[in-house]
């Protein structure tokens, strides 16, 4: 019985998210059309160009994050082997630090891509 309730709420939440997304998008488009904004923003060609750039940015950030995590594990292993630092603290610290550094580098590279 409890499983059925969970699935009903899950379905309701998913339906609500999609409903709000599409109704809000429709209202925004109608408001832009009423103001006389050019309809080129709704064209598929512009959207495809933008989505290609968005896909590249996601891949860039994800790859830099994963490289940062891998480098963090490697550096934590080196520090654990050659120093007396605590193993339980050094691994999460290096993973989060290097992952964050990778995301920061990805952010800066994304800014350069957007400026071009």
N, C-alpha and C. Protein backbone atom coordinates (compact mmCIF):
# COMPACT_ATOMS: atom_id res chain seq x y z
N UNK A 1 0.82 -1.19 0.00
CA UNK A 1 0.00 0.00 0.00
C UNK A 1 0.86 1.26 0.00
N UNK A 2 1.93 1.26 0.81
CA UNK A 2 2.78 2.45 0.89
C UNK A 2 3.53 2.68 -0.41
N UNK A 3 3.86 1.58 -1.11
CA UNK A 3 4.56 1.71 -2.38
C UNK A 3 3.67 2.40 -3.40
N UNK A 4 2.39 2.08 -3.40
CA UNK A 4 1.45 2.70 -4.33
C UNK A 4 1.34 4.19 -4.08
N UNK A 5 1.33 4.58 -2.81
CA UNK A 5 1.26 6.00 -2.46
C UNK A 5 2.51 6.73 -2.94
N UNK A 6 3.66 6.11 -2.77
CA UNK A 6 4.91 6.72 -3.21
C UNK A 6 4.90 6.93 -4.71
N UNK A 7 4.44 5.91 -5.47
CA UNK A 7 4.40 6.04 -6.92
C UNK A 7 3.38 7.09 -7.36
N UNK A 8 2.27 7.21 -6.65
CA UNK A 8 1.29 8.25 -7.00
C UNK A 8 1.88 9.63 -6.78
N UNK A 9 2.56 9.83 -5.65
CA UNK A 9 3.19 11.13 -5.41
C UNK A 9 4.30 11.40 -6.41
N UNK A 10 5.06 10.39 -6.76
CA UNK A 10 6.12 10.55 -7.74
C UNK A 10 5.54 10.97 -9.09
N UNK A 11 4.47 10.30 -9.51
CA UNK A 11 3.81 10.66 -10.77
C UNK A 11 3.27 12.09 -10.70
N UNK A 12 2.67 12.46 -9.57
CA UNK A 12 2.12 13.81 -9.42
C UNK A 12 3.21 14.86 -9.48
N UNK A 13 4.35 14.60 -8.87
CA UNK A 13 5.46 15.56 -8.89
C UNK A 13 6.01 15.72 -10.30
N UNK A 14 6.20 14.61 -11.00
CA UNK A 14 6.72 14.68 -12.36
C UNK A 14 5.74 15.41 -13.27
N UNK A 15 4.44 15.08 -13.16
CA UNK A 15 3.43 15.77 -13.94
C UNK A 15 3.42 17.26 -13.63
N UNK A 16 3.51 17.61 -12.36
CA UNK A 16 3.51 19.02 -11.97
C UNK A 16 4.70 19.78 -12.52
N UNK A 17 5.85 19.16 -12.52
CA UNK A 17 7.05 19.82 -13.07
C UNK A 17 6.89 20.09 -14.55
N UNK A 18 6.44 19.08 -15.30
CA UNK A 18 6.25 19.27 -16.74
C UNK A 18 5.15 20.29 -17.02
N UNK A 19 4.07 20.25 -16.27
CA UNK A 19 2.99 21.21 -16.48
C UNK A 19 3.46 22.63 -16.24
N UNK A 20 4.17 22.85 -15.14
CA UNK A 20 4.67 24.20 -14.85
C UNK A 20 5.67 24.65 -15.91
N UNK A 21 6.52 23.76 -16.37
CA UNK A 21 7.51 24.12 -17.38
C UNK A 21 6.84 24.58 -18.66
N UNK A 22 5.91 23.77 -19.18
CA UNK A 22 5.28 24.10 -20.45
C UNK A 22 4.33 25.28 -20.35
N UNK A 23 3.62 25.41 -19.25
CA UNK A 23 2.70 26.55 -19.13
C UNK A 23 3.48 27.85 -18.96
N UNK A 24 4.57 27.82 -18.21
CA UNK A 24 5.40 29.01 -18.05
C UNK A 24 6.07 29.39 -19.36
N UNK A 25 6.55 28.40 -20.10
CA UNK A 25 7.19 28.69 -21.39
C UNK A 25 6.18 29.30 -22.35
N UNK A 26 4.96 28.80 -22.34
CA UNK A 26 3.93 29.34 -23.22
C UNK A 26 3.61 30.79 -22.84
N UNK A 27 3.49 31.07 -21.55
CA UNK A 27 3.19 32.44 -21.10
C UNK A 27 4.32 33.39 -21.46
N UNK A 28 5.57 32.94 -21.31
CA UNK A 28 6.71 33.80 -21.67
C UNK A 28 6.70 34.10 -23.16
N UNK A 29 6.43 33.10 -23.98
CA UNK A 29 6.41 33.32 -25.42
C UNK A 29 5.28 34.27 -25.82
N UNK A 30 4.12 34.09 -25.22
CA UNK A 30 3.01 35.00 -25.53
C UNK A 30 3.34 36.43 -25.11
N UNK A 31 3.99 36.60 -23.97
CA UNK A 31 4.36 37.95 -23.52
C UNK A 31 5.38 38.56 -24.47
N UNK A 32 6.33 37.78 -24.96
CA UNK A 32 7.31 38.31 -25.90
C UNK A 32 6.66 38.67 -27.22
N UNK A 33 5.72 37.87 -27.67
CA UNK A 33 5.03 38.17 -28.93
C UNK A 33 4.18 39.44 -28.78
N UNK A 34 3.53 39.62 -27.64
CA UNK A 34 2.74 40.83 -27.41
C UNK A 34 3.60 42.08 -27.40
N UNK A 35 4.84 41.97 -26.92
CA UNK A 35 5.74 43.12 -26.89
C UNK A 35 6.37 43.39 -28.25
N UNK A 36 6.19 42.48 -29.19
CA UNK A 36 6.71 42.70 -30.53
C UNK A 36 8.13 42.23 -30.73
N UNK A 37 8.60 41.33 -29.90
CA UNK A 37 9.96 40.80 -30.04
C UNK A 37 9.99 39.90 -31.26
N UNK A 38 11.12 39.91 -31.97
CA UNK A 38 11.27 39.10 -33.16
C UNK A 38 11.13 37.62 -32.81
N UNK A 39 10.47 36.87 -33.67
CA UNK A 39 10.18 35.46 -33.40
C UNK A 39 11.34 34.54 -33.73
N UNK A 40 12.50 35.09 -34.11
CA UNK A 40 13.64 34.24 -34.44
C UNK A 40 14.16 33.46 -33.24
N UNK A 41 13.85 33.91 -32.04
CA UNK A 41 14.35 33.19 -30.87
C UNK A 41 13.68 31.83 -30.72
N UNK A 42 12.55 31.63 -31.41
CA UNK A 42 11.86 30.34 -31.33
C UNK A 42 12.27 29.39 -32.45
N UNK A 43 13.10 29.85 -33.35
CA UNK A 43 13.48 29.02 -34.50
C UNK A 43 14.44 27.91 -34.08
N UNK A 44 14.37 26.79 -34.76
CA UNK A 44 15.17 25.61 -34.41
C UNK A 44 16.65 25.82 -34.70
N UNK A 45 16.99 26.58 -35.73
CA UNK A 45 18.40 26.80 -36.09
C UNK A 45 19.16 27.50 -34.98
N UNK A 46 18.58 28.52 -34.43
CA UNK A 46 19.23 29.23 -33.33
C UNK A 46 19.35 28.34 -32.11
N UNK A 47 18.30 27.58 -31.85
CA UNK A 47 18.31 26.70 -30.68
C UNK A 47 19.36 25.60 -30.85
N UNK A 48 19.51 25.09 -32.08
CA UNK A 48 20.48 24.03 -32.32
C UNK A 48 21.90 24.54 -32.10
N UNK A 49 22.19 25.75 -32.57
CA UNK A 49 23.51 26.33 -32.37
C UNK A 49 23.80 26.50 -30.89
N UNK A 50 22.83 27.00 -30.17
CA UNK A 50 22.99 27.22 -28.73
C UNK A 50 23.12 25.90 -27.98
N UNK A 51 22.32 24.89 -28.36
CA UNK A 51 22.38 23.62 -27.65
C UNK A 51 23.70 22.91 -27.92
N UNK A 52 24.28 23.10 -29.11
CA UNK A 52 25.59 22.51 -29.39
C UNK A 52 26.64 23.12 -28.48
N UNK A 53 26.58 24.44 -28.31
CA UNK A 53 27.53 25.11 -27.42
C UNK A 53 27.30 24.66 -25.98
N UNK A 54 26.05 24.52 -25.57
CA UNK A 54 25.75 24.07 -24.21
C UNK A 54 26.27 22.65 -23.98
N UNK A 55 26.12 21.79 -24.98
CA UNK A 55 26.63 20.43 -24.86
C UNK A 55 28.14 20.41 -24.71
N UNK A 56 28.81 21.27 -25.46
CA UNK A 56 30.28 21.34 -25.35
C UNK A 56 30.71 21.84 -23.98
N UNK A 57 29.99 22.80 -23.45
CA UNK A 57 30.32 23.33 -22.12
C UNK A 57 30.12 22.27 -21.06
N UNK A 58 29.04 21.50 -21.16
CA UNK A 58 28.78 20.43 -20.19
C UNK A 58 29.87 19.38 -20.25
N UNK A 59 30.26 18.99 -21.47
CA UNK A 59 31.32 17.99 -21.62
C UNK A 59 32.64 18.52 -21.08
N UNK A 60 32.94 19.79 -21.35
CA UNK A 60 34.17 20.40 -20.85
C UNK A 60 34.20 20.40 -19.33
N UNK A 61 33.13 20.87 -18.71
CA UNK A 61 33.09 20.93 -17.25
C UNK A 61 33.12 19.54 -16.62
N UNK A 62 32.39 18.60 -17.20
CA UNK A 62 32.38 17.25 -16.66
C UNK A 62 33.75 16.59 -16.78
N UNK A 63 34.41 16.79 -17.92
CA UNK A 63 35.73 16.19 -18.08
C UNK A 63 36.74 16.80 -17.12
N UNK A 64 36.69 18.11 -16.92
CA UNK A 64 37.61 18.74 -15.97
C UNK A 64 37.30 18.32 -14.54
N UNK A 65 36.03 18.13 -14.22
CA UNK A 65 35.67 17.66 -12.88
C UNK A 65 36.22 16.26 -12.64
N UNK A 66 36.03 15.36 -13.60
CA UNK A 66 36.51 13.99 -13.43
C UNK A 66 38.02 13.93 -13.40
N UNK A 67 38.70 14.75 -14.21
CA UNK A 67 40.17 14.79 -14.14
C UNK A 67 40.63 15.33 -12.79
N UNK A 68 39.91 16.32 -12.27
CA UNK A 68 40.25 16.85 -10.96
C UNK A 68 40.06 15.82 -9.86
N UNK A 69 39.01 15.04 -9.93
CA UNK A 69 38.78 13.99 -8.94
C UNK A 69 39.88 12.94 -9.02
N UNK A 70 40.22 12.53 -10.24
CA UNK A 70 41.30 11.55 -10.41
C UNK A 70 42.62 12.08 -9.89
N UNK A 71 42.93 13.33 -10.19
CA UNK A 71 44.17 13.92 -9.69
C UNK A 71 44.13 14.05 -8.16
N UNK A 72 42.96 14.34 -7.61
CA UNK A 72 42.83 14.43 -6.16
C UNK A 72 43.09 13.09 -5.48
N UNK A 73 42.58 12.01 -6.06
CA UNK A 73 42.83 10.67 -5.51
C UNK A 73 44.32 10.34 -5.59
N UNK A 74 44.93 10.67 -6.73
CA UNK A 74 46.36 10.40 -6.90
C UNK A 74 47.20 11.19 -5.90
N UNK A 75 46.91 12.48 -5.74
CA UNK A 75 47.68 13.29 -4.80
C UNK A 75 47.44 12.84 -3.36
N UNK A 76 46.21 12.43 -3.05
CA UNK A 76 45.93 11.94 -1.70
C UNK A 76 46.71 10.65 -1.44
N UNK A 77 46.81 9.79 -2.44
CA UNK A 77 47.60 8.57 -2.30
C UNK A 77 49.07 8.89 -2.07
N UNK A 78 49.60 9.86 -2.82
CA UNK A 78 51.00 10.26 -2.61
C UNK A 78 51.21 10.84 -1.21
N UNK A 79 50.30 11.72 -0.79
CA UNK A 79 50.44 12.31 0.55
C UNK A 79 50.29 11.26 1.64
N UNK A 80 49.41 10.32 1.44
CA UNK A 80 49.22 9.26 2.43
C UNK A 80 50.45 8.36 2.51
N UNK A 81 51.09 8.12 1.38
CA UNK A 81 52.25 7.23 1.35
C UNK A 81 53.48 7.89 1.96
N UNK A 82 53.72 9.15 1.63
CA UNK A 82 54.98 9.79 2.01
C UNK A 82 54.89 10.73 3.20
N UNK A 83 53.73 10.89 3.79
CA UNK A 83 53.60 11.73 4.98
C UNK A 83 52.84 10.97 6.06
N UNK A 84 52.73 11.58 7.20
CA UNK A 84 52.01 10.97 8.31
C UNK A 84 50.61 11.55 8.46
N UNK A 85 50.06 12.11 7.38
CA UNK A 85 48.72 12.68 7.45
C UNK A 85 47.67 11.59 7.58
N UNK A 86 46.54 11.95 8.17
CA UNK A 86 45.45 10.99 8.41
C UNK A 86 44.78 10.62 7.10
N UNK A 87 44.65 9.33 6.86
CA UNK A 87 44.06 8.83 5.61
C UNK A 87 42.59 9.20 5.48
N UNK A 88 41.86 9.22 6.58
CA UNK A 88 40.43 9.51 6.55
C UNK A 88 40.14 10.97 6.21
N UNK A 89 41.09 11.84 6.44
CA UNK A 89 40.87 13.25 6.16
C UNK A 89 41.47 13.71 4.85
N UNK A 90 42.57 13.10 4.45
CA UNK A 90 43.27 13.60 3.28
C UNK A 90 42.55 13.23 1.98
N UNK A 91 41.95 12.05 1.91
CA UNK A 91 41.28 11.64 0.67
C UNK A 91 40.10 12.54 0.32
N UNK A 92 39.13 12.76 1.22
CA UNK A 92 38.03 13.66 0.85
C UNK A 92 38.50 15.09 0.58
N UNK A 93 39.48 15.55 1.37
CA UNK A 93 39.96 16.92 1.19
C UNK A 93 40.57 17.10 -0.19
N UNK A 94 41.42 16.19 -0.61
CA UNK A 94 42.06 16.33 -1.92
C UNK A 94 41.07 16.12 -3.06
N UNK A 95 40.13 15.19 -2.90
CA UNK A 95 39.14 14.96 -3.95
C UNK A 95 38.28 16.21 -4.15
N UNK A 96 37.77 16.78 -3.06
CA UNK A 96 36.92 17.97 -3.19
C UNK A 96 37.73 19.17 -3.67
N UNK A 97 38.95 19.32 -3.19
CA UNK A 97 39.77 20.46 -3.60
C UNK A 97 40.09 20.41 -5.08
N UNK A 98 40.55 19.26 -5.55
CA UNK A 98 40.93 19.15 -6.96
C UNK A 98 39.69 19.15 -7.87
N UNK A 99 38.58 18.57 -7.41
CA UNK A 99 37.35 18.64 -8.19
C UNK A 99 36.86 20.07 -8.32
N UNK A 100 36.91 20.83 -7.23
CA UNK A 100 36.54 22.24 -7.27
C UNK A 100 37.47 23.06 -8.14
N UNK A 101 38.74 22.74 -8.10
CA UNK A 101 39.71 23.43 -8.95
C UNK A 101 39.41 23.14 -10.42
N UNK A 102 39.05 21.90 -10.74
CA UNK A 102 38.68 21.56 -12.11
C UNK A 102 37.45 22.31 -12.57
N UNK A 103 36.44 22.44 -11.70
CA UNK A 103 35.24 23.20 -12.05
C UNK A 103 35.54 24.68 -12.21
N UNK A 104 36.44 25.21 -11.40
CA UNK A 104 36.83 26.62 -11.52
C UNK A 104 37.53 26.86 -12.85
N UNK A 105 38.42 25.97 -13.24
CA UNK A 105 39.10 26.09 -14.53
C UNK A 105 38.07 25.98 -15.66
N UNK A 106 37.12 25.05 -15.53
CA UNK A 106 36.07 24.92 -16.53
C UNK A 106 35.21 26.17 -16.64
N UNK A 107 34.94 26.82 -15.51
CA UNK A 107 34.18 28.07 -15.52
C UNK A 107 34.93 29.15 -16.29
N UNK A 108 36.24 29.27 -16.03
CA UNK A 108 37.03 30.28 -16.73
C UNK A 108 37.12 29.98 -18.22
N UNK A 109 37.27 28.72 -18.59
CA UNK A 109 37.31 28.37 -20.02
C UNK A 109 35.96 28.62 -20.68
N UNK A 110 34.86 28.38 -19.96
CA UNK A 110 33.53 28.64 -20.49
C UNK A 110 33.33 30.14 -20.73
N UNK A 111 33.83 30.97 -19.83
CA UNK A 111 33.74 32.42 -20.03
C UNK A 111 34.49 32.82 -21.30
N UNK A 112 35.66 32.22 -21.53
CA UNK A 112 36.43 32.54 -22.74
C UNK A 112 35.68 32.10 -23.99
N UNK A 113 35.02 30.94 -23.93
CA UNK A 113 34.25 30.46 -25.08
C UNK A 113 33.09 31.39 -25.36
N UNK A 114 32.39 31.85 -24.32
CA UNK A 114 31.24 32.74 -24.49
C UNK A 114 31.66 34.11 -25.03
N UNK A 115 32.85 34.57 -24.68
CA UNK A 115 33.32 35.87 -25.15
C UNK A 115 33.65 35.85 -26.64
N UNK A 116 34.02 34.69 -27.17
CA UNK A 116 34.38 34.60 -28.61
C UNK A 116 33.20 34.66 -29.51
